Amino acid sequence: MDIVIPGATNLGLFVVAALVLLVVPGPAVLYIVARSVAQGRTAGFVSDVGIHSATLIHVAAAALGLSALLASSAIAFSIVKYAGAAYLIWLGLKKIFGRAEDVDMEIGMKSRSYARLYRDGFIVNLLNPKTALFFLAFLPQFVQVERGHIAMQIAFLGLLFTLLGFVSDGCYAFAASVLGNRLRQSRSYLRFERYVSGALFIGLGLSAAFAGNHRK
């Protein structure tokens, strides 16, 4: 069976949107940075592997669930798509107007084995409902229903996002010896991050809501 992926335009939009979202560090990045600062770059890299291993589970769940939904009702899929757009906008508003999240960046974090680091990263991301909701809201915005094989398109986009996230988070792990110290010394990052990421989520949601299924 031929591999079906979104068209070039949709795929390009997806890569740009994913990279922009990933460049702005979130809690997962700060966790990786904290581990890198506390136990070295290898510890940060292992944490990165654990986090994104769990991401693959969320991608599989999104692909299977959304594909089954489309099979039962194209209208239901559209409802989920627009609900996802609304959810992205809500995330952006919550990010901007909510309280800044405090992240534990203590240099004296308890040392843990690499196996424990992998397990912790995997479990934290696997049990995070926000990750599942994000993929259910984000991935359908770039799927082209008319091309068919929704599960394959969702899986491809999810795998691509996971790969991009793994590489970008790995870069933060390698740079943690410098970046980690700066983040620990200043909270200005949190003020900057909330407005940038909030605007990005709102922009993605509005774009999806107005563009609908007409992307080619």
N, C-alpha and C. Protein backbone atom coordinates (compact mmCIF):
# COMPACT_ATOMS: atom_id res chain seq x y z
N MET A 1 0.84 -1.20 0.00
CA MET A 1 0.00 0.00 0.00
C MET A 1 0.87 1.24 0.00
N ASP A 2 0.53 2.21 -0.87
CA ASP A 2 1.29 3.44 -0.93
C ASP A 2 1.11 4.26 0.34
N ILE A 3 2.18 4.96 0.71
CA ILE A 3 2.12 5.82 1.88
C ILE A 3 1.43 7.13 1.49
N VAL A 4 0.40 7.47 2.22
CA VAL A 4 -0.35 8.70 1.97
C VAL A 4 -0.01 9.72 3.04
N ILE A 5 0.45 10.87 2.60
CA ILE A 5 0.78 11.96 3.54
C ILE A 5 0.07 13.22 3.06
N PRO A 6 -0.05 14.25 3.91
CA PRO A 6 -0.66 15.51 3.48
C PRO A 6 0.10 16.11 2.31
N GLY A 7 -0.56 16.97 1.56
CA GLY A 7 0.08 17.64 0.44
C GLY A 7 1.24 18.52 0.86
N ALA A 8 2.02 18.95 -0.13
CA ALA A 8 3.23 19.72 0.15
C ALA A 8 2.94 21.00 0.93
N THR A 9 1.86 21.69 0.57
CA THR A 9 1.53 22.95 1.25
C THR A 9 1.19 22.70 2.71
N ASN A 10 0.30 21.74 2.94
CA ASN A 10 -0.07 21.42 4.32
C ASN A 10 1.13 20.94 5.12
N LEU A 11 1.97 20.12 4.49
CA LEU A 11 3.14 19.58 5.18
C LEU A 11 4.11 20.70 5.53
N GLY A 12 4.29 21.65 4.61
CA GLY A 12 5.16 22.78 4.90
C GLY A 12 4.64 23.63 6.03
N LEU A 13 3.31 23.87 6.03
CA LEU A 13 2.70 24.64 7.11
C LEU A 13 2.87 23.92 8.45
N PHE A 14 2.72 22.61 8.41
CA PHE A 14 2.85 21.82 9.64
C PHE A 14 4.27 21.92 10.20
N VAL A 15 5.27 21.77 9.35
CA VAL A 15 6.67 21.83 9.80
C VAL A 15 6.98 23.20 10.40
N VAL A 16 6.52 24.26 9.74
CA VAL A 16 6.77 25.61 10.25
C VAL A 16 6.09 25.80 11.60
N ALA A 17 4.81 25.39 11.69
CA ALA A 17 4.08 25.55 12.95
C ALA A 17 4.72 24.73 14.06
N ALA A 18 5.12 23.49 13.75
CA ALA A 18 5.75 22.64 14.76
C ALA A 18 7.06 23.21 15.24
N LEU A 19 7.89 23.69 14.31
CA LEU A 19 9.19 24.24 14.69
C LEU A 19 9.04 25.49 15.55
N VAL A 20 8.06 26.33 15.19
CA VAL A 20 7.85 27.55 15.97
C VAL A 20 7.41 27.20 17.38
N LEU A 21 6.51 26.23 17.51
CA LEU A 21 6.06 25.80 18.83
C LEU A 21 7.19 25.18 19.64
N LEU A 22 8.03 24.40 18.98
CA LEU A 22 9.10 23.69 19.67
C LEU A 22 10.25 24.60 20.08
N VAL A 23 10.45 25.69 19.32
CA VAL A 23 11.54 26.61 19.64
C VAL A 23 11.30 27.29 20.98
N VAL A 24 10.02 27.57 21.28
CA VAL A 24 9.69 28.21 22.56
C VAL A 24 9.66 27.14 23.64
N PRO A 25 10.59 27.17 24.58
CA PRO A 25 10.68 26.09 25.59
C PRO A 25 9.45 26.01 26.48
N GLY A 26 9.04 24.80 26.77
CA GLY A 26 7.94 24.56 27.69
C GLY A 26 8.41 23.74 28.87
N PRO A 27 7.48 23.21 29.67
CA PRO A 27 7.85 22.43 30.86
C PRO A 27 8.74 21.24 30.57
N ALA A 28 8.50 20.53 29.45
CA ALA A 28 9.33 19.37 29.13
C ALA A 28 10.78 19.78 28.90
N VAL A 29 10.96 20.90 28.19
CA VAL A 29 12.32 21.39 27.94
C VAL A 29 13.00 21.78 29.24
N LEU A 30 12.26 22.45 30.11
CA LEU A 30 12.85 22.86 31.39
C LEU A 30 13.20 21.65 32.25
N TYR A 31 12.40 20.60 32.14
CA TYR A 31 12.72 19.36 32.87
C TYR A 31 14.02 18.77 32.34
N ILE A 32 14.16 18.73 31.02
CA ILE A 32 15.37 18.21 30.40
C ILE A 32 16.58 19.06 30.76
N VAL A 33 16.40 20.37 30.74
CA VAL A 33 17.48 21.28 31.10
C VAL A 33 17.90 21.07 32.55
N ALA A 34 16.90 20.91 33.42
CA ALA A 34 17.20 20.71 34.84
C ALA A 34 18.01 19.43 35.04
N ARG A 35 17.63 18.37 34.34
CA ARG A 35 18.36 17.12 34.46
C ARG A 35 19.77 17.24 33.89
N SER A 36 19.89 17.98 32.82
CA SER A 36 21.21 18.17 32.21
C SER A 36 22.13 18.95 33.13
N VAL A 37 21.59 19.97 33.78
CA VAL A 37 22.37 20.77 34.70
C VAL A 37 22.77 19.96 35.92
N ALA A 38 21.82 19.14 36.41
CA ALA A 38 22.06 18.39 37.63
C ALA A 38 22.98 17.19 37.43
N GLN A 39 22.82 16.49 36.30
CA GLN A 39 23.55 15.23 36.11
C GLN A 39 24.34 15.14 34.81
N GLY A 40 24.33 16.19 34.03
CA GLY A 40 25.10 16.18 32.79
C GLY A 40 24.24 16.04 31.56
N ARG A 41 24.85 16.25 30.42
CA ARG A 41 24.12 16.24 29.16
C ARG A 41 23.54 14.87 28.83
N THR A 42 24.24 13.82 29.18
CA THR A 42 23.72 12.48 28.90
C THR A 42 22.41 12.24 29.62
N ALA A 43 22.32 12.72 30.86
CA ALA A 43 21.08 12.58 31.62
C ALA A 43 19.94 13.34 30.94
N GLY A 44 20.25 14.52 30.42
CA GLY A 44 19.24 15.28 29.70
C GLY A 44 18.81 14.57 28.43
N PHE A 45 19.75 13.96 27.74
CA PHE A 45 19.45 13.23 26.51
C PHE A 45 18.58 12.01 26.82
N VAL A 46 18.90 11.29 27.89
CA VAL A 46 18.09 10.12 28.27
C VAL A 46 16.67 10.55 28.64
N SER A 47 16.55 11.66 29.34
CA SER A 47 15.22 12.18 29.67
C SER A 47 14.46 12.55 28.41
N ASP A 48 15.16 13.11 27.44
CA ASP A 48 14.57 13.45 26.15
C ASP A 48 14.02 12.21 25.46
N VAL A 49 14.79 11.12 25.46
CA VAL A 49 14.35 9.86 24.85
C VAL A 49 13.10 9.33 25.56
N GLY A 50 13.09 9.39 26.89
CA GLY A 50 11.93 8.91 27.64
C GLY A 50 10.68 9.70 27.34
N ILE A 51 10.80 11.02 27.30
CA ILE A 51 9.64 11.88 27.04
C ILE A 51 9.05 11.59 25.67
N HIS A 52 9.91 11.48 24.66
CA HIS A 52 9.39 11.32 23.31
C HIS A 52 9.03 9.88 22.97
N SER A 53 9.50 8.94 23.76
CA SER A 53 9.00 7.57 23.63
C SER A 53 7.52 7.54 23.99
N ALA A 54 7.16 8.25 25.04
CA ALA A 54 5.75 8.34 25.44
C ALA A 54 4.94 9.12 24.42
N THR A 55 5.57 10.10 23.77
CA THR A 55 4.87 10.87 22.75
C THR A 55 4.36 9.96 21.64
N LEU A 56 5.13 8.92 21.32
CA LEU A 56 4.72 7.99 20.27
C LEU A 56 3.42 7.27 20.64
N ILE A 57 3.22 7.02 21.92
CA ILE A 57 1.97 6.38 22.37
C ILE A 57 0.80 7.31 22.11
N HIS A 58 0.98 8.58 22.42
CA HIS A 58 -0.08 9.56 22.18
C HIS A 58 -0.38 9.70 20.69
N VAL A 59 0.66 9.65 19.87
CA VAL A 59 0.48 9.75 18.42
C VAL A 59 -0.35 8.57 17.91
N ALA A 60 -0.01 7.35 18.36
CA ALA A 60 -0.75 6.16 17.94
C ALA A 60 -2.21 6.24 18.36
N ALA A 61 -2.45 6.72 19.58
CA ALA A 61 -3.82 6.84 20.07
C ALA A 61 -4.61 7.85 19.26
N ALA A 62 -3.96 8.97 18.91
CA ALA A 62 -4.63 9.99 18.11
C ALA A 62 -4.95 9.47 16.72
N ALA A 63 -4.00 8.75 16.11
CA ALA A 63 -4.21 8.23 14.76
C ALA A 63 -5.36 7.24 14.72
N LEU A 64 -5.39 6.32 15.66
CA LEU A 64 -6.43 5.30 15.69
C LEU A 64 -7.79 5.91 16.03
N GLY A 65 -7.80 6.79 17.01
CA GLY A 65 -9.06 7.38 17.45
C GLY A 65 -9.69 8.28 16.41
N LEU A 66 -8.89 9.15 15.79
CA LEU A 66 -9.42 10.08 14.79
C LEU A 66 -9.82 9.35 13.51
N SER A 67 -9.07 8.30 13.17
CA SER A 67 -9.43 7.52 11.99
C SER A 67 -10.77 6.81 12.19
N ALA A 68 -10.96 6.24 13.37
CA ALA A 68 -12.23 5.58 13.67
C ALA A 68 -13.38 6.57 13.66
N LEU A 69 -13.11 7.78 14.13
CA LEU A 69 -14.15 8.80 14.16
C LEU A 69 -14.58 9.19 12.75
N LEU A 70 -13.60 9.35 11.86
CA LEU A 70 -13.92 9.71 10.49
C LEU A 70 -14.70 8.59 9.80
N ALA A 71 -14.32 7.34 10.09
CA ALA A 71 -15.00 6.20 9.49
C ALA A 71 -16.47 6.16 9.87
N SER A 72 -16.78 6.64 11.06
CA SER A 72 -18.16 6.62 11.52
C SER A 72 -18.95 7.84 11.06
N SER A 73 -18.25 8.98 10.91
CA SER A 73 -18.95 10.19 10.54
C SER A 73 -17.97 11.29 10.15
N ALA A 74 -18.06 11.75 8.89
CA ALA A 74 -17.22 12.85 8.45
C ALA A 74 -17.59 14.14 9.19
N ILE A 75 -18.88 14.27 9.51
CA ILE A 75 -19.33 15.46 10.24
C ILE A 75 -18.72 15.48 11.64
N ALA A 76 -18.67 14.30 12.28
CA ALA A 76 -18.09 14.21 13.62
C ALA A 76 -16.61 14.58 13.58
N PHE A 77 -15.92 14.17 12.52
CA PHE A 77 -14.51 14.52 12.40
C PHE A 77 -14.36 16.03 12.28
N SER A 78 -15.24 16.66 11.50
CA SER A 78 -15.18 18.11 11.34
C SER A 78 -15.44 18.81 12.67
N ILE A 79 -16.37 18.26 13.44
CA ILE A 79 -16.67 18.84 14.75
C ILE A 79 -15.44 18.78 15.64
N VAL A 80 -14.76 17.61 15.63
CA VAL A 80 -13.55 17.47 16.43
C VAL A 80 -12.48 18.44 15.95
N LYS A 81 -12.38 18.62 14.63
CA LYS A 81 -11.39 19.52 14.06
C LYS A 81 -11.61 20.95 14.56
N TYR A 82 -12.85 21.42 14.49
CA TYR A 82 -13.13 22.79 14.92
C TYR A 82 -13.06 22.92 16.44
N ALA A 83 -13.44 21.87 17.15
CA ALA A 83 -13.29 21.87 18.60
C ALA A 83 -11.81 21.95 18.96
N GLY A 84 -10.99 21.28 18.17
CA GLY A 84 -9.55 21.35 18.39
C GLY A 84 -9.01 22.74 18.17
N ALA A 85 -9.51 23.41 17.15
CA ALA A 85 -9.09 24.79 16.88
C ALA A 85 -9.47 25.68 18.07
N ALA A 86 -10.69 25.49 18.58
CA ALA A 86 -11.13 26.27 19.74
C ALA A 86 -10.26 25.97 20.96
N TYR A 87 -9.87 24.70 21.10
CA TYR A 87 -9.01 24.31 22.23
C TYR A 87 -7.65 24.98 22.14
N LEU A 88 -7.09 25.06 20.93
CA LEU A 88 -5.80 25.72 20.75
C LEU A 88 -5.90 27.21 21.14
N ILE A 89 -7.00 27.84 20.73
CA ILE A 89 -7.20 29.25 21.09
C ILE A 89 -7.31 29.40 22.60
N TRP A 90 -8.05 28.47 23.23
CA TRP A 90 -8.20 28.51 24.69
C TRP A 90 -6.86 28.33 25.39
N LEU A 91 -6.04 27.42 24.86
CA LEU A 91 -4.71 27.24 25.45
C LEU A 91 -3.90 28.53 25.39
N GLY A 92 -3.99 29.22 24.25
CA GLY A 92 -3.26 30.47 24.10
C GLY A 92 -3.73 31.53 25.07
N LEU A 93 -5.04 31.68 25.21
CA LEU A 93 -5.58 32.66 26.15
C LEU A 93 -5.22 32.33 27.59
N LYS A 94 -5.29 31.03 27.91
CA LYS A 94 -4.94 30.60 29.26
C LYS A 94 -3.46 30.87 29.55
N LYS A 95 -2.62 30.64 28.53
CA LYS A 95 -1.19 30.86 28.69
C LYS A 95 -0.89 32.33 28.95
N ILE A 96 -1.57 33.22 28.23
CA ILE A 96 -1.30 34.65 28.35
C ILE A 96 -1.86 35.23 29.64
N PHE A 97 -3.10 34.86 29.96
CA PHE A 97 -3.77 35.49 31.10
C PHE A 97 -3.68 34.69 32.39
N GLY A 98 -3.18 33.43 32.31
CA GLY A 98 -3.04 32.64 33.52
C GLY A 98 -1.77 33.00 34.27
N ARG A 99 -1.58 32.37 35.40
CA ARG A 99 -0.37 32.58 36.18
C ARG A 99 0.80 31.85 35.55
N ALA A 100 1.97 32.47 35.60
CA ALA A 100 3.17 31.82 35.07
C ALA A 100 3.45 30.55 35.85
N GLU A 101 3.83 29.48 35.15
CA GLU A 101 4.11 28.20 35.81
C GLU A 101 5.49 28.21 36.44
N ASP A 102 5.53 27.75 37.66
CA ASP A 102 6.82 27.63 38.34
C ASP A 102 7.42 26.28 38.01
N VAL A 103 8.66 26.28 37.60
CA VAL A 103 9.34 25.05 37.23
C VAL A 103 10.53 24.85 38.14
N ASP A 104 10.65 23.63 38.67
CA ASP A 104 11.76 23.31 39.56
C ASP A 104 13.05 23.22 38.76
N MET A 105 13.96 24.17 38.99
CA MET A 105 15.23 24.19 38.29
C MET A 105 16.38 24.09 39.28
N GLU A 106 16.14 23.46 40.39
CA GLU A 106 17.17 23.37 41.40
C GLU A 106 18.35 22.55 40.90
N ILE A 107 19.55 23.09 41.09
CA ILE A 107 20.76 22.43 40.66
C ILE A 107 21.02 21.17 41.47
N GLY A 108 20.47 21.10 42.67
CA GLY A 108 20.73 19.97 43.55
C GLY A 108 19.70 18.87 43.43
N MET A 109 19.12 18.69 42.27
CA MET A 109 18.15 17.62 42.09
C MET A 109 18.81 16.28 42.40
N LYS A 110 18.06 15.40 43.02
CA LYS A 110 18.59 14.10 43.41
C LYS A 110 19.07 13.32 42.19
N SER A 111 20.28 12.79 42.30
CA SER A 111 20.85 12.02 41.20
C SER A 111 20.08 10.72 40.99
N ARG A 112 19.84 10.38 39.73
CA ARG A 112 19.11 9.17 39.41
C ARG A 112 19.82 8.43 38.28
N SER A 113 19.62 7.12 38.23
CA SER A 113 20.23 6.31 37.18
C SER A 113 19.59 6.64 35.85
N TYR A 114 20.29 6.28 34.76
CA TYR A 114 19.75 6.57 33.44
C TYR A 114 18.44 5.82 33.20
N ALA A 115 18.34 4.60 33.71
CA ALA A 115 17.10 3.84 33.56
C ALA A 115 15.96 4.55 34.27
N ARG A 116 16.23 5.09 35.44
CA ARG A 116 15.21 5.81 36.21
C ARG A 116 14.83 7.11 35.49
N LEU A 117 15.83 7.77 34.91
CA LEU A 117 15.56 9.01 34.18
C LEU A 117 14.65 8.73 32.98
N TYR A 118 14.96 7.66 32.25
CA TYR A 118 14.13 7.30 31.10
C TYR A 118 12.71 6.98 31.57
N ARG A 119 12.59 6.20 32.62
CA ARG A 119 11.28 5.81 33.12
C ARG A 119 10.48 7.03 33.57
N ASP A 120 11.14 7.95 34.30
CA ASP A 120 10.45 9.14 34.79
C ASP A 120 9.93 9.99 33.63
N GLY A 121 10.82 10.22 32.63
CA GLY A 121 10.40 11.02 31.49
C GLY A 121 9.24 10.38 30.74
N PHE A 122 9.31 9.06 30.59
CA PHE A 122 8.26 8.32 29.87
C PHE A 122 6.93 8.42 30.62
N ILE A 123 6.95 8.16 31.91
CA ILE A 123 5.71 8.14 32.69
C ILE A 123 5.10 9.54 32.79
N VAL A 124 5.94 10.54 33.01
CA VAL A 124 5.44 11.91 33.13
C VAL A 124 4.69 12.32 31.87
N ASN A 125 5.25 12.02 30.70
CA ASN A 125 4.61 12.43 29.46
C ASN A 125 3.45 11.51 29.09
N LEU A 126 3.56 10.23 29.40
CA LEU A 126 2.49 9.29 29.09
C LEU A 126 1.21 9.63 29.86
N LEU A 127 1.36 10.01 31.11
CA LEU A 127 0.21 10.28 31.97
C LEU A 127 -0.24 11.74 31.94
N ASN A 128 0.33 12.51 31.02
CA ASN A 128 -0.03 13.92 30.91
C ASN A 128 -1.21 14.08 29.95
N PRO A 129 -2.41 14.35 30.46
CA PRO A 129 -3.57 14.46 29.56
C PRO A 129 -3.45 15.62 28.59
N LYS A 130 -2.67 16.63 28.94
CA LYS A 130 -2.50 17.77 28.05
C LYS A 130 -1.81 17.36 26.76
N THR A 131 -0.91 16.38 26.84
CA THR A 131 -0.22 15.91 25.63
C THR A 131 -1.21 15.24 24.69
N ALA A 132 -2.06 14.39 25.24
CA ALA A 132 -3.07 13.71 24.42
C ALA A 132 -4.03 14.72 23.79
N LEU A 133 -4.49 15.68 24.57
CA LEU A 133 -5.40 16.69 24.05
C LEU A 133 -4.73 17.54 22.98
N PHE A 134 -3.44 17.82 23.17
CA PHE A 134 -2.72 18.64 22.19
C PHE A 134 -2.70 17.95 20.83
N PHE A 135 -2.37 16.67 20.81
CA PHE A 135 -2.30 15.97 19.54
C PHE A 135 -3.68 15.83 18.90
N LEU A 136 -4.71 15.61 19.71
CA LEU A 136 -6.07 15.52 19.17
C LEU A 136 -6.52 16.85 18.59
N ALA A 137 -5.98 17.96 19.11
CA ALA A 137 -6.36 19.28 18.63
C ALA A 137 -5.46 19.75 17.48
N PHE A 138 -4.18 19.43 17.55
CA PHE A 138 -3.19 19.99 16.63
C PHE A 138 -3.11 19.23 15.30
N LEU A 139 -2.99 17.92 15.36
CA LEU A 139 -2.73 17.14 14.16
C LEU A 139 -3.86 17.22 13.12
N PRO A 140 -5.15 17.16 13.53
CA PRO A 140 -6.21 17.19 12.51
C PRO A 140 -6.23 18.46 11.67
N GLN A 141 -5.64 19.56 12.17
CA GLN A 141 -5.67 20.81 11.42
C GLN A 141 -4.91 20.72 10.10
N PHE A 142 -4.03 19.73 9.97
CA PHE A 142 -3.19 19.63 8.78
C PHE A 142 -3.50 18.38 7.95
N VAL A 143 -4.55 17.68 8.32
CA VAL A 143 -4.97 16.48 7.58
C VAL A 143 -5.86 16.90 6.41
N GLN A 144 -5.67 16.26 5.27
CA GLN A 144 -6.53 16.48 4.11
C GLN A 144 -7.42 15.26 3.93
N VAL A 145 -8.68 15.42 4.30
CA VAL A 145 -9.63 14.31 4.28
C VAL A 145 -9.77 13.72 2.89
N GLU A 146 -9.72 14.59 1.87
CA GLU A 146 -9.93 14.11 0.50
C GLU A 146 -8.82 13.17 0.01
N ARG A 147 -7.67 13.18 0.69
CA ARG A 147 -6.58 12.29 0.29
C ARG A 147 -6.73 10.89 0.89
N GLY A 148 -7.65 10.75 1.85
CA GLY A 148 -7.91 9.46 2.46
C GLY A 148 -6.83 9.02 3.44
N HIS A 149 -6.97 7.80 3.96
CA HIS A 149 -6.00 7.21 4.89
C HIS A 149 -5.66 8.19 6.04
N ILE A 150 -6.72 8.58 6.76
CA ILE A 150 -6.55 9.56 7.83
C ILE A 150 -5.56 9.08 8.89
N ALA A 151 -5.65 7.80 9.26
CA ALA A 151 -4.75 7.28 10.28
C ALA A 151 -3.30 7.41 9.85
N MET A 152 -3.03 7.15 8.57
CA MET A 152 -1.66 7.24 8.06
C MET A 152 -1.17 8.69 8.08
N GLN A 153 -2.04 9.62 7.70
CA GLN A 153 -1.66 11.03 7.72
C GLN A 153 -1.38 11.50 9.14
N ILE A 154 -2.27 11.12 10.07
CA ILE A 154 -2.09 11.50 11.47
C ILE A 154 -0.80 10.91 12.02
N ALA A 155 -0.56 9.64 11.73
CA ALA A 155 0.65 8.97 12.22
C ALA A 155 1.90 9.62 11.65
N PHE A 156 1.87 9.95 10.37
CA PHE A 156 3.03 10.59 9.75
C PHE A 156 3.32 11.94 10.39
N LEU A 157 2.28 12.75 10.55
CA LEU A 157 2.47 14.07 11.16
C LEU A 157 2.96 13.93 12.60
N GLY A 158 2.39 12.96 13.32
CA GLY A 158 2.80 12.75 14.70
C GLY A 158 4.25 12.31 14.81
N LEU A 159 4.66 11.39 13.94
CA LEU A 159 6.05 10.94 13.95
C LEU A 159 7.00 12.08 13.58
N LEU A 160 6.58 12.90 12.63
CA LEU A 160 7.41 14.04 12.23
C LEU A 160 7.55 15.03 13.38
N PHE A 161 6.43 15.30 14.07
CA PHE A 161 6.48 16.21 15.21
C PHE A 161 7.36 15.64 16.31
N THR A 162 7.26 14.34 16.56
CA THR A 162 8.07 13.69 17.58
C THR A 162 9.55 13.80 17.24
N LEU A 163 9.90 13.57 15.98
CA LEU A 163 11.30 13.67 15.55
C LEU A 163 11.83 15.08 15.72
N LEU A 164 11.03 16.06 15.29
CA LEU A 164 11.45 17.46 15.44
C LEU A 164 11.61 17.82 16.91
N GLY A 165 10.69 17.34 17.74
CA GLY A 165 10.76 17.61 19.18
C GLY A 165 11.97 16.96 19.82
N PHE A 166 12.25 15.73 19.41
CA PHE A 166 13.40 15.02 19.96
C PHE A 166 14.70 15.75 19.64
N VAL A 167 14.82 16.23 18.41
CA VAL A 167 16.05 16.94 18.00
C VAL A 167 16.16 18.28 18.71
N SER A 168 15.05 19.04 18.75
CA SER A 168 15.12 20.36 19.38
C SER A 168 15.37 20.24 20.88
N ASP A 169 14.72 19.28 21.54
CA ASP A 169 14.95 19.09 22.97
C ASP A 169 16.37 18.59 23.23
N GLY A 170 16.89 17.78 22.29
CA GLY A 170 18.27 17.33 22.43
C GLY A 170 19.26 18.48 22.36
N CYS A 171 18.96 19.46 21.51
CA CYS A 171 19.82 20.64 21.43
C CYS A 171 19.82 21.40 22.75
N TYR A 172 18.66 21.49 23.39
CA TYR A 172 18.59 22.14 24.69
C TYR A 172 19.39 21.37 25.72
N ALA A 173 19.36 20.04 25.64
CA ALA A 173 20.12 19.23 26.58
C ALA A 173 21.62 19.50 26.45
N PHE A 174 22.08 19.58 25.20
CA PHE A 174 23.50 19.81 24.97
C PHE A 174 23.93 21.22 25.40
N ALA A 175 23.00 22.16 25.30
CA ALA A 175 23.33 23.54 25.66
C ALA A 175 22.98 23.87 27.11
N ALA A 176 22.56 22.87 27.88
CA ALA A 176 22.04 23.12 29.22
C ALA A 176 23.07 23.69 30.19
N SER A 177 24.32 23.40 29.97
CA SER A 177 25.34 23.90 30.89
C SER A 177 25.35 25.43 30.91
N VAL A 178 24.95 26.03 29.80
CA VAL A 178 24.87 27.49 29.73
C VAL A 178 23.44 27.96 29.94
N LEU A 179 22.53 27.37 29.19
CA LEU A 179 21.13 27.79 29.25
C LEU A 179 20.51 27.54 30.61
N GLY A 180 20.84 26.39 31.20
CA GLY A 180 20.26 26.04 32.50
C GLY A 180 20.61 27.05 33.57
N ASN A 181 21.85 27.48 33.62
CA ASN A 181 22.26 28.45 34.62
C ASN A 181 21.54 29.78 34.43
N ARG A 182 21.37 30.18 33.19
CA ARG A 182 20.69 31.46 32.94
C ARG A 182 19.22 31.39 33.34
N LEU A 183 18.58 30.24 33.06
CA LEU A 183 17.17 30.11 33.44
C LEU A 183 17.00 30.09 34.95
N ARG A 184 17.97 29.52 35.64
CA ARG A 184 17.90 29.47 37.10
C ARG A 184 18.06 30.85 37.71
N GLN A 185 18.80 31.72 37.07
CA GLN A 185 19.13 33.02 37.63
C GLN A 185 18.08 34.08 37.33
N SER A 186 17.19 33.80 36.39
CA SER A 186 16.22 34.82 36.00
C SER A 186 14.87 34.20 35.69
N ARG A 187 13.79 34.88 36.14
CA ARG A 187 12.44 34.44 35.84
C ARG A 187 11.85 35.21 34.65
N SER A 188 12.65 36.08 34.02
CA SER A 188 12.14 36.85 32.89
C SER A 188 11.73 35.94 31.75
N TYR A 189 12.36 34.75 31.67
CA TYR A 189 12.00 33.78 30.63
C TYR A 189 10.53 33.42 30.70
N LEU A 190 10.01 33.19 31.90
CA LEU A 190 8.62 32.77 32.06
C LEU A 190 7.66 33.82 31.53
N ARG A 191 7.98 35.11 31.77
CA ARG A 191 7.13 36.18 31.26
C ARG A 191 7.18 36.23 29.74
N PHE A 192 8.36 36.03 29.17
CA PHE A 192 8.53 36.03 27.73
C PHE A 192 7.83 34.84 27.09
N GLU A 193 8.02 33.68 27.66
CA GLU A 193 7.50 32.44 27.08
C GLU A 193 5.99 32.41 27.04
N ARG A 194 5.33 32.91 28.09
CA ARG A 194 3.88 32.80 28.15
C ARG A 194 3.20 33.60 27.05
N TYR A 195 3.73 34.79 26.73
CA TYR A 195 3.13 35.63 25.70
C TYR A 195 3.42 35.10 24.30
N VAL A 196 4.64 34.65 24.06
CA VAL A 196 4.99 34.13 22.74
C VAL A 196 4.22 32.86 22.43
N SER A 197 4.28 31.88 23.35
CA SER A 197 3.59 30.61 23.10
C SER A 197 2.08 30.82 23.07
N GLY A 198 1.56 31.72 23.89
CA GLY A 198 0.13 32.00 23.89
C GLY A 198 -0.33 32.54 22.54
N ALA A 199 0.44 33.48 21.99
CA ALA A 199 0.09 34.04 20.69
C ALA A 199 0.17 32.99 19.59
N LEU A 200 1.13 32.07 19.70
CA LEU A 200 1.27 31.02 18.70
C LEU A 200 0.07 30.07 18.71
N PHE A 201 -0.38 29.68 19.90
CA PHE A 201 -1.54 28.80 20.00
C PHE A 201 -2.79 29.47 19.44
N ILE A 202 -2.98 30.74 19.76
CA ILE A 202 -4.15 31.47 19.27
C ILE A 202 -4.09 31.58 17.74
N GLY A 203 -2.91 31.89 17.22
CA GLY A 203 -2.75 32.00 15.77
C GLY A 203 -3.05 30.70 15.06
N LEU A 204 -2.58 29.58 15.61
CA LEU A 204 -2.84 28.27 15.02
C LEU A 204 -4.34 27.96 15.03
N GLY A 205 -4.98 28.25 16.16
CA GLY A 205 -6.40 27.98 16.28
C GLY A 205 -7.23 28.80 15.30
N LEU A 206 -6.92 30.09 15.19
CA LEU A 206 -7.66 30.96 14.26
C LEU A 206 -7.43 30.54 12.82
N SER A 207 -6.19 30.20 12.50
CA SER A 207 -5.87 29.76 11.14
C SER A 207 -6.65 28.51 10.78
N ALA A 208 -6.71 27.57 11.70
CA ALA A 208 -7.44 26.32 11.45
C ALA A 208 -8.93 26.57 11.32
N ALA A 209 -9.47 27.45 12.17
CA ALA A 209 -10.91 27.73 12.16
C ALA A 209 -11.36 28.37 10.86
N PHE A 210 -10.55 29.30 10.32
CA PHE A 210 -10.95 30.01 9.12
C PHE A 210 -10.58 29.26 7.84
N ALA A 211 -9.50 28.45 7.90
CA ALA A 211 -9.06 27.73 6.71
C ALA A 211 -9.92 26.51 6.46
N GLY A 212 -10.40 25.87 7.57
CA GLY A 212 -11.23 24.69 7.43
C GLY A 212 -10.53 23.58 6.69
N ASN A 213 -11.24 22.90 5.81
CA ASN A 213 -10.67 21.77 5.07
C ASN A 213 -10.23 22.17 3.66
N HIS A 214 -10.02 23.46 3.42
CA HIS A 214 -9.74 23.90 2.05
C HIS A 214 -8.26 24.01 1.76
N ARG A 215 -7.40 23.60 2.67
CA ARG A 215 -5.96 23.61 2.39
C ARG A 215 -5.66 22.53 1.35
N LYS A 216 -4.81 22.88 0.40
CA LYS A 216 -4.43 21.92 -0.65
C LYS A 216 -2.94 21.62 -0.57
